[in-house]
Protein backbone atom coordinates (compact mmCIF):
# COMPACT_ATOMS: atom_id res chain seq x y z
CA UNK A 1 441.99 79.30 156.95
CA UNK A 2 438.67 80.69 158.23
CA UNK A 3 435.70 80.27 155.90
CA UNK A 4 433.09 82.98 156.34
CA UNK A 5 429.45 82.14 155.54
CA UNK A 6 427.32 85.27 155.16
CA UNK A 7 423.52 84.94 155.27
CA UNK A 8 421.56 87.93 153.95
CA UNK A 9 418.21 87.82 155.75
CA UNK A 10 417.03 86.35 159.04
CA UNK A 11 413.60 85.05 158.04
CA UNK A 12 412.56 81.44 157.48
CA UNK A 13 415.45 80.55 155.19
CA UNK A 14 418.06 82.55 157.09
CA UNK A 15 417.16 81.24 160.54
CA UNK A 16 416.64 77.59 159.60
CA UNK A 17 419.77 77.50 157.42
CA UNK A 18 421.83 78.95 160.27
CA UNK A 19 420.30 76.44 162.72
CA UNK A 20 421.28 73.61 160.40
CA UNK A 21 424.80 74.95 159.96
CA UNK A 22 425.16 75.51 163.70
CA UNK A 23 424.44 71.81 164.26
CA UNK A 24 426.42 70.41 161.33
CA UNK A 25 429.51 72.56 161.84
CA UNK A 26 429.92 72.39 165.62
CA UNK A 27 433.59 71.44 165.49
CA UNK A 28 434.47 73.98 162.82
CA UNK A 29 432.68 76.78 164.67
CA UNK A 30 434.44 75.81 167.88
CA UNK A 31 437.97 75.76 166.41
CA UNK A 32 437.38 78.92 164.35
CA UNK A 33 437.83 77.38 160.90
CA UNK A 34 434.28 78.49 160.00
CA UNK A 35 432.30 81.58 161.01
CA UNK A 36 428.69 82.49 160.24
CA UNK A 37 427.09 85.93 160.04
CA UNK A 38 423.43 86.88 159.54
CA UNK A 39 422.49 90.40 158.42
CA UNK A 40 418.89 91.52 158.92
CA UNK A 41 417.18 94.80 159.86
CA UNK A 42 415.50 93.03 162.80
CA UNK A 43 417.01 90.97 165.60
CA UNK A 44 414.26 88.38 165.35
CA UNK A 45 412.56 86.04 162.89
CA UNK A 46 408.80 86.48 162.45
CA UNK A 47 406.58 83.44 162.03
CA UNK A 48 404.29 85.14 159.52
CA UNK A 49 401.38 82.61 159.48
CA UNK A 50 400.57 83.82 163.02
CA UNK A 51 400.27 87.49 162.03
CA UNK A 52 396.44 87.27 161.71
CA UNK A 53 396.13 85.74 165.18
CA UNK A 54 398.39 88.40 166.65
CA UNK A 55 396.31 91.10 164.95
CA UNK A 56 393.14 89.59 166.39
CA UNK A 57 394.57 89.40 169.91
CA UNK A 58 394.59 85.60 170.14
CA UNK A 59 398.39 85.48 170.40
CA UNK A 60 400.99 87.73 172.01
CA UNK A 61 403.17 89.30 169.29
CA UNK A 62 406.32 88.48 171.29
CA UNK A 63 405.49 84.78 171.14
CA UNK A 64 405.40 84.62 167.33
CA UNK A 65 408.97 85.85 166.91
CA UNK A 66 412.24 84.02 167.55
CA UNK A 67 415.16 86.13 168.91
CA UNK A 68 418.08 85.43 166.59
CA UNK A 69 420.83 85.97 169.14
CA UNK A 70 419.26 83.56 171.63
CA UNK A 71 418.44 80.87 169.09
CA UNK A 72 421.78 81.16 167.26
CA UNK A 73 424.48 81.63 169.94
CA UNK A 74 427.26 80.51 167.56
CA UNK A 75 426.25 82.98 164.84
CA UNK A 76 427.18 86.66 164.60
CA UNK A 77 424.06 88.81 164.16
CA UNK A 78 424.41 92.22 162.49
CA UNK A 79 421.36 94.49 162.35
CA UNK A 80 421.10 96.66 159.27
CA UNK A 81 420.68 96.29 155.52
CA UNK A 82 422.73 94.91 152.68
CA UNK A 83 422.62 97.56 149.96
CA UNK A 84 424.89 95.82 147.42
CA UNK A 85 426.23 92.36 146.71
CA UNK A 86 429.46 92.17 144.69
CA UNK A 87 429.98 88.45 144.35
CA UNK A 88 432.85 88.89 141.90
CA UNK A 89 434.79 90.43 144.80
CA UNK A 90 433.02 88.28 147.43
CA UNK A 91 431.85 91.34 149.38
CA UNK A 92 428.59 92.97 150.45
CA UNK A 93 427.97 96.57 151.42
CA UNK A 94 426.46 96.67 154.90
CA UNK A 95 424.51 99.71 156.12
CA UNK A 96 423.98 99.66 159.92
CA UNK A 97 421.18 101.70 161.56
CA UNK A 98 423.76 104.23 162.75
CA UNK A 99 427.10 105.17 161.20
CA UNK A 100 428.67 104.71 157.80
CA UNK A 101 428.27 101.77 155.46
CA UNK A 102 431.12 99.31 155.20
CA UNK A 103 432.11 96.34 153.05
CA UNK A 104 432.11 92.84 154.52
CA UNK A 105 434.03 89.99 152.91
CA UNK A 106 432.74 86.42 152.68
CA UNK A 107 433.54 83.06 151.15
CA UNK A 108 429.96 81.77 150.81
CA UNK A 109 426.87 83.95 150.53
CA UNK A 110 423.29 82.84 151.16
CA UNK A 111 420.62 85.13 149.71
CA UNK A 112 417.63 84.77 152.03
CA UNK A 113 416.18 88.28 152.24
CA UNK A 114 412.67 87.15 151.27
CA UNK A 115 410.15 89.49 149.70
CA UNK A 116 408.34 92.79 150.15
CA UNK A 117 404.79 93.84 149.27
CA UNK A 118 404.19 94.28 145.55
CA UNK A 119 402.43 97.60 145.18
CA UNK A 120 400.95 99.34 142.15
CA UNK A 121 400.92 103.06 141.22
CA UNK A 122 397.38 103.57 142.55
CA UNK A 123 396.52 107.17 143.47
CA UNK A 124 396.19 107.60 147.22
CA UNK A 125 397.47 104.14 148.16
CA UNK A 126 399.94 105.62 150.63
CA UNK A 127 397.17 107.77 152.19
CA UNK A 128 395.32 104.95 153.96
CA UNK A 129 397.12 101.77 152.84
CA UNK A 130 398.96 99.42 155.20
CA UNK A 131 400.70 96.13 154.41
CA UNK A 132 400.44 92.86 156.31
CA UNK A 133 403.92 91.30 156.36
CA UNK A 134 405.41 92.39 159.68
CA UNK A 135 404.54 92.29 163.38
CA UNK A 136 404.49 96.08 163.40
CA UNK A 137 401.90 96.20 160.62
CA UNK A 138 399.72 93.53 162.27
CA UNK A 139 399.66 95.24 165.67
CA UNK A 140 399.21 98.70 164.15
CA UNK A 141 396.24 97.34 162.20
CA UNK A 142 394.73 95.82 165.35
CA UNK A 143 395.12 99.13 167.20
CA UNK A 144 393.64 100.99 164.24
CA UNK A 145 390.52 98.83 164.03
CA UNK A 146 389.84 99.16 167.76
CA UNK A 147 390.61 102.89 167.74
CA UNK A 148 388.15 103.45 164.90
CA UNK A 149 385.44 101.66 166.87
CA UNK A 150 386.14 104.21 169.61
CA UNK A 151 385.91 107.03 167.05
CA UNK A 152 382.58 105.76 165.71
CA UNK A 153 381.15 105.43 169.23
CA UNK A 154 382.22 108.95 170.16
CA UNK A 155 380.95 110.94 167.15
CA UNK A 156 377.54 112.31 166.19
CA UNK A 157 378.54 112.79 162.55
CA UNK A 158 377.11 109.91 160.44
CA UNK A 159 379.73 110.42 157.68
CA UNK A 160 382.63 110.23 160.13
CA UNK A 161 381.05 107.15 161.68
CA UNK A 162 380.47 105.40 158.34
CA UNK A 163 384.03 106.13 157.17
CA UNK A 164 385.55 104.93 160.45
CA UNK A 165 383.62 101.65 160.34
CA UNK A 166 384.53 100.79 156.72
CA UNK A 167 387.55 98.56 156.20
CA UNK A 168 388.94 97.43 152.83
CA UNK A 169 391.26 94.48 152.15
CA UNK A 170 392.84 94.15 148.70
CA UNK A 171 393.97 90.64 147.76
CA UNK A 172 392.17 87.35 148.46
CA UNK A 173 395.17 85.08 148.94
CA UNK A 174 396.17 83.63 152.31
CA UNK A 175 397.31 86.91 153.85
CA UNK A 176 394.24 88.89 152.79
CA UNK A 177 391.58 86.33 153.67
CA UNK A 178 393.12 85.31 157.01
CA UNK A 179 393.74 88.93 158.05
CA UNK A 180 390.21 89.96 157.12
CA UNK A 181 388.57 86.94 158.76
CA UNK A 182 390.45 87.31 162.05
CA UNK A 183 389.99 91.09 162.26
CA UNK A 184 386.30 90.89 161.35
CA UNK A 185 385.85 88.26 164.05
CA UNK A 186 387.65 90.49 166.58
CA UNK A 187 385.68 93.61 165.61
CA UNK A 188 382.36 91.74 165.83
CA UNK A 189 383.34 90.39 169.25
CA UNK A 190 384.33 93.90 170.38
CA UNK A 191 381.02 95.55 169.47
CA UNK A 192 379.37 94.00 172.55
CA UNK A 193 381.18 96.62 174.63
CA UNK A 194 379.82 99.58 172.63
CA UNK A 195 376.36 101.04 173.21
CA UNK A 196 375.85 102.43 169.71
CA UNK A 197 377.68 99.98 167.43
CA UNK A 198 376.11 96.76 166.16
CA UNK A 199 378.10 94.09 164.26
CA UNK A 200 376.15 95.00 161.10
CA UNK A 201 377.41 98.60 161.34
CA UNK A 202 380.99 97.49 160.62
CA UNK A 203 381.57 97.09 156.89
CA UNK A 204 384.32 94.86 155.49
CA UNK A 205 385.10 94.86 151.76
CA UNK A 206 387.37 92.28 150.11
CA UNK A 207 388.64 93.28 146.65
CA UNK A 208 390.16 90.61 144.37
CA UNK A 209 391.24 91.03 140.74
CA UNK A 210 390.71 87.34 139.86
CA UNK A 211 387.51 85.28 140.01
CA UNK A 212 388.30 83.23 143.14
CA UNK A 213 389.51 83.42 146.72
CA UNK A 214 392.22 81.27 148.30
CA UNK A 215 393.37 79.62 145.06
CA UNK A 216 395.93 77.63 147.11
CA UNK A 217 393.24 75.38 148.65
CA UNK A 218 391.55 74.48 145.36
CA UNK A 219 388.30 75.61 143.67
CA UNK A 220 385.91 73.63 145.90
CA UNK A 221 387.36 74.91 149.20
CA UNK A 222 387.75 78.37 147.71
CA UNK A 223 384.06 78.44 146.80
CA UNK A 224 383.10 77.32 150.31
CA UNK A 225 385.32 80.04 151.80
CA UNK A 226 383.65 82.64 149.58
CA UNK A 227 380.22 81.51 150.76
CA UNK A 228 381.31 81.65 154.39
CA UNK A 229 382.69 85.15 154.06
CA UNK A 230 379.52 86.41 152.41
CA UNK A 231 377.33 84.72 155.03
CA UNK A 232 379.27 86.72 157.63
CA UNK A 233 378.23 89.91 155.86
CA UNK A 234 381.59 90.56 154.19
CA UNK A 235 381.29 92.36 150.85
CA UNK A 236 383.47 90.29 148.48
CA UNK A 237 384.18 91.87 145.08
CA UNK A 238 385.72 89.39 142.61
CA UNK A 239 387.18 90.40 139.24
CA UNK A 240 387.45 93.90 140.64
CA UNK A 241 390.44 96.22 140.94
CA UNK A 242 391.22 99.15 143.19
CA UNK A 243 391.37 102.22 140.92
CA UNK A 244 392.15 104.90 143.53
CA UNK A 245 391.78 105.77 147.21
CA UNK A 246 392.90 109.40 147.35
CA UNK A 247 392.12 110.94 150.70
CA UNK A 248 390.30 107.76 151.74
CA UNK A 249 387.78 107.94 148.87
CA UNK A 250 387.84 104.42 147.45
CA UNK A 251 387.02 103.88 143.77
CA UNK A 252 386.69 100.33 142.42
CA UNK A 253 386.78 99.18 138.81
CA UNK A 254 383.12 98.07 138.98
CA UNK A 255 382.10 101.70 139.53
CA UNK A 256 381.56 101.48 143.28
CA UNK A 257 382.70 104.47 145.33
CA UNK A 258 382.76 104.96 149.11
CA UNK A 259 384.91 106.43 151.89
CA UNK A 260 387.09 104.32 154.15
CA UNK A 261 389.60 105.08 156.86
CA UNK A 262 391.60 101.85 156.44
CA UNK A 263 392.87 99.80 153.50
CA UNK A 264 394.95 96.64 153.91
CA UNK A 265 397.11 95.79 150.89
CA UNK A 266 397.95 92.08 150.46
CA UNK A 267 397.97 91.85 146.65
CA UNK A 268 401.13 89.85 146.16
CA UNK A 269 404.84 90.10 146.88
CA UNK A 270 408.06 90.72 144.96
CA UNK A 271 411.71 89.81 145.71
CA UNK A 272 413.65 91.96 148.17
CA UNK A 273 415.23 95.01 146.48
CA UNK A 274 418.71 93.73 147.39
CA UNK A 275 418.61 91.28 144.45
CA UNK A 276 418.60 94.14 141.94
CA UNK A 277 421.72 95.56 143.61
CA UNK A 278 423.72 92.41 143.06
CA UNK A 279 425.70 90.81 140.24
CA UNK A 280 423.82 87.53 140.63
CA UNK A 281 421.78 86.19 137.66
CA UNK A 282 418.07 87.08 137.75
CA UNK A 283 415.05 85.77 135.85
CA UNK A 284 412.35 87.85 134.14
CA UNK A 285 410.49 88.26 137.46
CA UNK A 286 413.52 89.60 139.29
CA UNK A 287 414.25 86.39 141.22
CA UNK A 288 417.71 84.88 141.59
CA UNK A 289 418.15 81.94 139.23
CA UNK A 290 419.17 78.78 141.07
CA UNK A 291 419.69 75.13 140.35
CA UNK A 292 417.69 72.44 142.13
CA UNK A 293 420.63 72.24 144.56
CA UNK A 294 419.80 75.84 145.63
CA UNK A 295 423.18 76.97 144.29
CA UNK A 296 422.99 80.10 142.14
CA UNK A 297 423.40 79.30 138.44
CA UNK A 298 427.02 79.51 137.23
CA UNK A 299 428.05 81.28 140.44
CA UNK A 300 430.24 79.19 142.77
CA UNK A 301 429.97 80.14 146.42
CA UNK A 302 426.48 81.64 146.12
CA UNK A 303 423.21 80.06 147.29
CA UNK A 304 419.62 81.31 147.41
CA UNK A 305 416.23 80.04 148.57
CA UNK A 306 412.80 81.26 149.58
CA UNK A 307 410.74 84.05 148.06
CA UNK A 308 413.62 85.75 146.18
CA UNK A 309 414.81 82.58 144.43
CA UNK A 310 413.55 80.86 141.29
CA UNK A 311 414.00 77.27 142.49
CA UNK A 312 413.07 74.56 139.95
CA UNK A 313 410.23 72.36 141.20
CA UNK A 314 411.39 68.81 140.43
CA UNK A 315 407.91 67.43 141.22
CA UNK A 316 406.43 69.65 138.47
CA UNK A 317 408.96 69.87 135.62
CA UNK A 318 409.10 73.30 134.05
CA UNK A 319 407.61 75.00 137.13
CA UNK A 320 409.19 76.76 140.10
CA UNK A 321 408.61 76.28 143.82
CA UNK A 322 405.87 78.52 145.20
CA UNK A 323 407.00 81.38 147.48
CA UNK A 324 405.58 80.04 150.74
CA UNK A 325 406.74 79.02 154.21
CA UNK A 326 406.32 75.31 153.50
CA UNK A 327 408.98 75.37 150.78
CA UNK A 328 411.22 77.88 152.58
CA UNK A 329 411.60 75.78 155.73
CA UNK A 330 412.30 72.59 153.77
CA UNK A 331 414.67 74.33 151.38
CA UNK A 332 416.65 75.67 154.34
CA UNK A 333 417.39 72.14 155.55
CA UNK A 334 418.77 71.09 152.15
CA UNK A 335 420.55 74.42 151.79
CA UNK A 336 422.36 74.05 155.11
CA UNK A 337 423.48 70.53 154.22
CA UNK A 338 424.61 71.62 150.76
CA UNK A 339 426.75 74.43 152.16
CA UNK A 340 428.50 71.84 154.35
CA UNK A 341 428.98 69.65 151.28
CA UNK A 342 430.31 72.62 149.30
CA UNK A 343 432.88 73.43 152.00
CA UNK A 344 433.98 69.77 152.04
CA UNK A 345 434.14 69.44 148.25
CA UNK A 346 431.26 66.95 148.07
CA UNK A 347 428.45 66.64 145.52
CA UNK A 348 425.39 68.74 146.27
CA UNK A 349 421.94 67.23 146.78
CA UNK A 350 418.83 68.45 144.96
CA UNK A 351 415.78 69.88 146.67
CA UNK A 352 412.59 67.99 145.88
CA UNK A 353 409.38 68.30 147.84
CA UNK A 354 405.85 67.76 146.66
CA UNK A 355 403.48 70.46 147.89
CA UNK A 356 401.26 68.66 150.42
CA UNK A 357 398.47 71.21 150.56
CA UNK A 358 397.32 74.28 152.45
CA UNK A 359 395.51 75.28 155.64
CA UNK A 360 393.93 78.63 156.44
CA UNK A 361 392.25 80.10 159.50
CA UNK A 362 389.02 82.07 159.09
CA UNK A 363 388.59 83.34 162.63
CA UNK A 364 388.05 81.56 165.92
CA UNK A 365 387.03 77.90 165.37
CA UNK A 366 386.68 78.40 161.60
CA UNK A 367 389.08 77.30 158.87
CA UNK A 368 389.59 75.57 155.56
CA UNK A 369 392.17 72.93 154.59
CA UNK A 370 393.21 70.79 151.65
CA UNK A 371 396.01 68.45 152.71
CA UNK A 372 397.06 65.42 150.66
CA UNK A 373 393.74 65.76 148.84
CA UNK A 374 391.76 65.56 152.09
CA UNK A 375 389.41 68.55 152.30
CA UNK A 376 388.30 69.88 155.65
CA UNK A 377 386.37 72.94 156.74
CA UNK A 378 385.05 74.52 159.92
CA UNK A 379 386.42 73.41 163.30
CA UNK A 380 388.48 70.40 162.03
CA UNK A 381 390.28 72.62 159.50
CA UNK A 382 390.84 75.32 162.15
CA UNK A 383 392.30 72.71 164.51
CA UNK A 384 394.56 71.35 161.75
CA UNK A 385 395.65 74.91 160.92
CA UNK A 386 396.75 75.53 164.50
CA UNK A 387 398.35 72.10 164.94
CA UNK A 388 400.37 72.37 161.72
CA UNK A 389 401.69 75.85 162.40
CA UNK A 390 402.47 75.04 166.03
CA UNK A 391 404.70 72.24 164.77
CA UNK A 392 406.56 74.71 162.52
CA UNK A 393 407.21 77.44 165.10
CA UNK A 394 410.95 77.42 165.88
CA UNK A 395 412.15 76.43 169.38
CA UNK A 396 410.34 74.66 172.20
CA UNK A 397 410.25 77.92 174.14
CA UNK A 398 408.03 79.56 171.49
CA UNK A 399 405.83 76.47 171.11
CA UNK A 400 405.05 76.42 174.84
CA UNK A 401 404.29 80.16 174.92
CA UNK A 402 401.91 79.83 171.95
CA UNK A 403 400.07 76.92 173.60
CA UNK A 404 399.75 78.92 176.84
CA UNK A 405 398.26 81.87 174.90
CA UNK A 406 395.75 79.61 173.19
CA UNK A 407 394.85 77.85 176.46
CA UNK A 408 394.22 81.15 178.27
CA UNK A 409 392.02 82.25 175.36
CA UNK A 410 389.73 79.27 176.04
CA UNK A 411 388.92 80.55 179.54
CA UNK A 412 389.17 84.32 179.27
CA UNK A 413 387.74 86.87 176.86
CA UNK A 414 390.15 88.43 174.41
CA UNK A 415 391.55 91.90 175.06
CA UNK A 416 389.86 94.62 173.01
CA UNK A 417 392.02 97.60 173.91
CA UNK A 418 393.62 99.94 171.40
CA UNK A 419 397.18 100.89 172.32
CA UNK A 420 397.71 103.12 169.33
CA UNK A 421 399.59 105.66 171.42
CA UNK A 422 402.49 103.20 171.41
CA UNK A 423 403.12 104.26 167.81
CA UNK A 424 403.53 107.89 168.92
CA UNK A 425 405.09 107.66 172.40
CA UNK A 426 406.31 111.28 172.48
CA UNK A 427 402.97 112.98 171.80
CA UNK A 428 401.97 113.22 175.46
CA UNK A 429 405.33 114.66 176.47
CA UNK A 430 405.26 117.17 173.61
CA UNK A 431 401.76 118.28 174.65
CA UNK A 432 403.00 118.79 178.21
CA UNK A 433 405.93 120.90 176.96
CA UNK A 434 403.58 123.00 174.80
CA UNK A 435 401.32 123.63 177.80
CA UNK A 436 404.30 124.79 179.86
CA UNK A 437 405.34 127.22 177.12
CA UNK A 438 401.84 128.71 176.97
């Protein structure tokens, strides 16, 4: 009898779990006794730690994604969304990009849909706000920054110029600090090609509700990072909240008001909405409750890991594993093995991994790291940051392409071209049609 394993989500957990299953179940996949399906809106997995480098132009966006169909030839890939999980009936409701929704049956389900940006009901946030979790957002942000430099260079209006050259980042965790540092470095580098824009004309504002930046690397490294950012002229506002940004008019809780054309929102994440449309047990934060084996509590045939799962941290009793790539990749390995054990009626193993530390890039040749208690900053930390993440990129193909990008960047200047028209490819054609009608 065929056993169908359904994986909801093709991110870290989904891809690495499927890779593990593809290796461990070769015979079963070949004789048809087991089949595996991944459902995800995209046909690729994004290596998110490289989003800042892609936004800054140091890395081709195509080289930081892994095509699911190529990497997982034994797995069926369906593009679309799961809108409901009915584990009691062992079915999910699948909504493809085109056509009607349909129910898909399974024997084992793996919830690996990750997280989405956690937003707040702030007036005007949708006016100028953009997230920083996808390739599309990273490249759109890069194009926007470069386009606004063009706008500032081409206007005689000081208000338009000031607004165009003001950029706000909300959230001083990894995503916010790395995105800001890389983009600020790119913008500063780009000003050499403009006659009327100096690096000091470009204003960057980092807004953080707590009293520290990069809490993941510890207070000492966080303090050093704060000093570095301020030395670079970045306006860092700690213990400050965004009150509103209606029409681009930014109001902060410390009373500061100014106009900005761009606001990057990186203030936390929350589990994928699919978890609230399931009959799986959730905790008070909306995460799926799991055991240390990554099996869903009191729910045979269901597993979960990554950002949407509350996985007990056995190295810190009473705590849960942090929602980061380090845990997700390691959980996927245990998860894949445990699904094989479940199918064979064997005892499941528990996931236990002590958090080894963190690395963060702060622009070209700058970084901060705290690994196994060893604290590094500057070039050594930047080098460690690149080395670590290169080792985690899936497939040799992607590793080689990333190294080639980095090597070329050593000898040639980075591209500073805005290709924002890619986001509106029909505008030129529509303008031509309108001219013909006139």
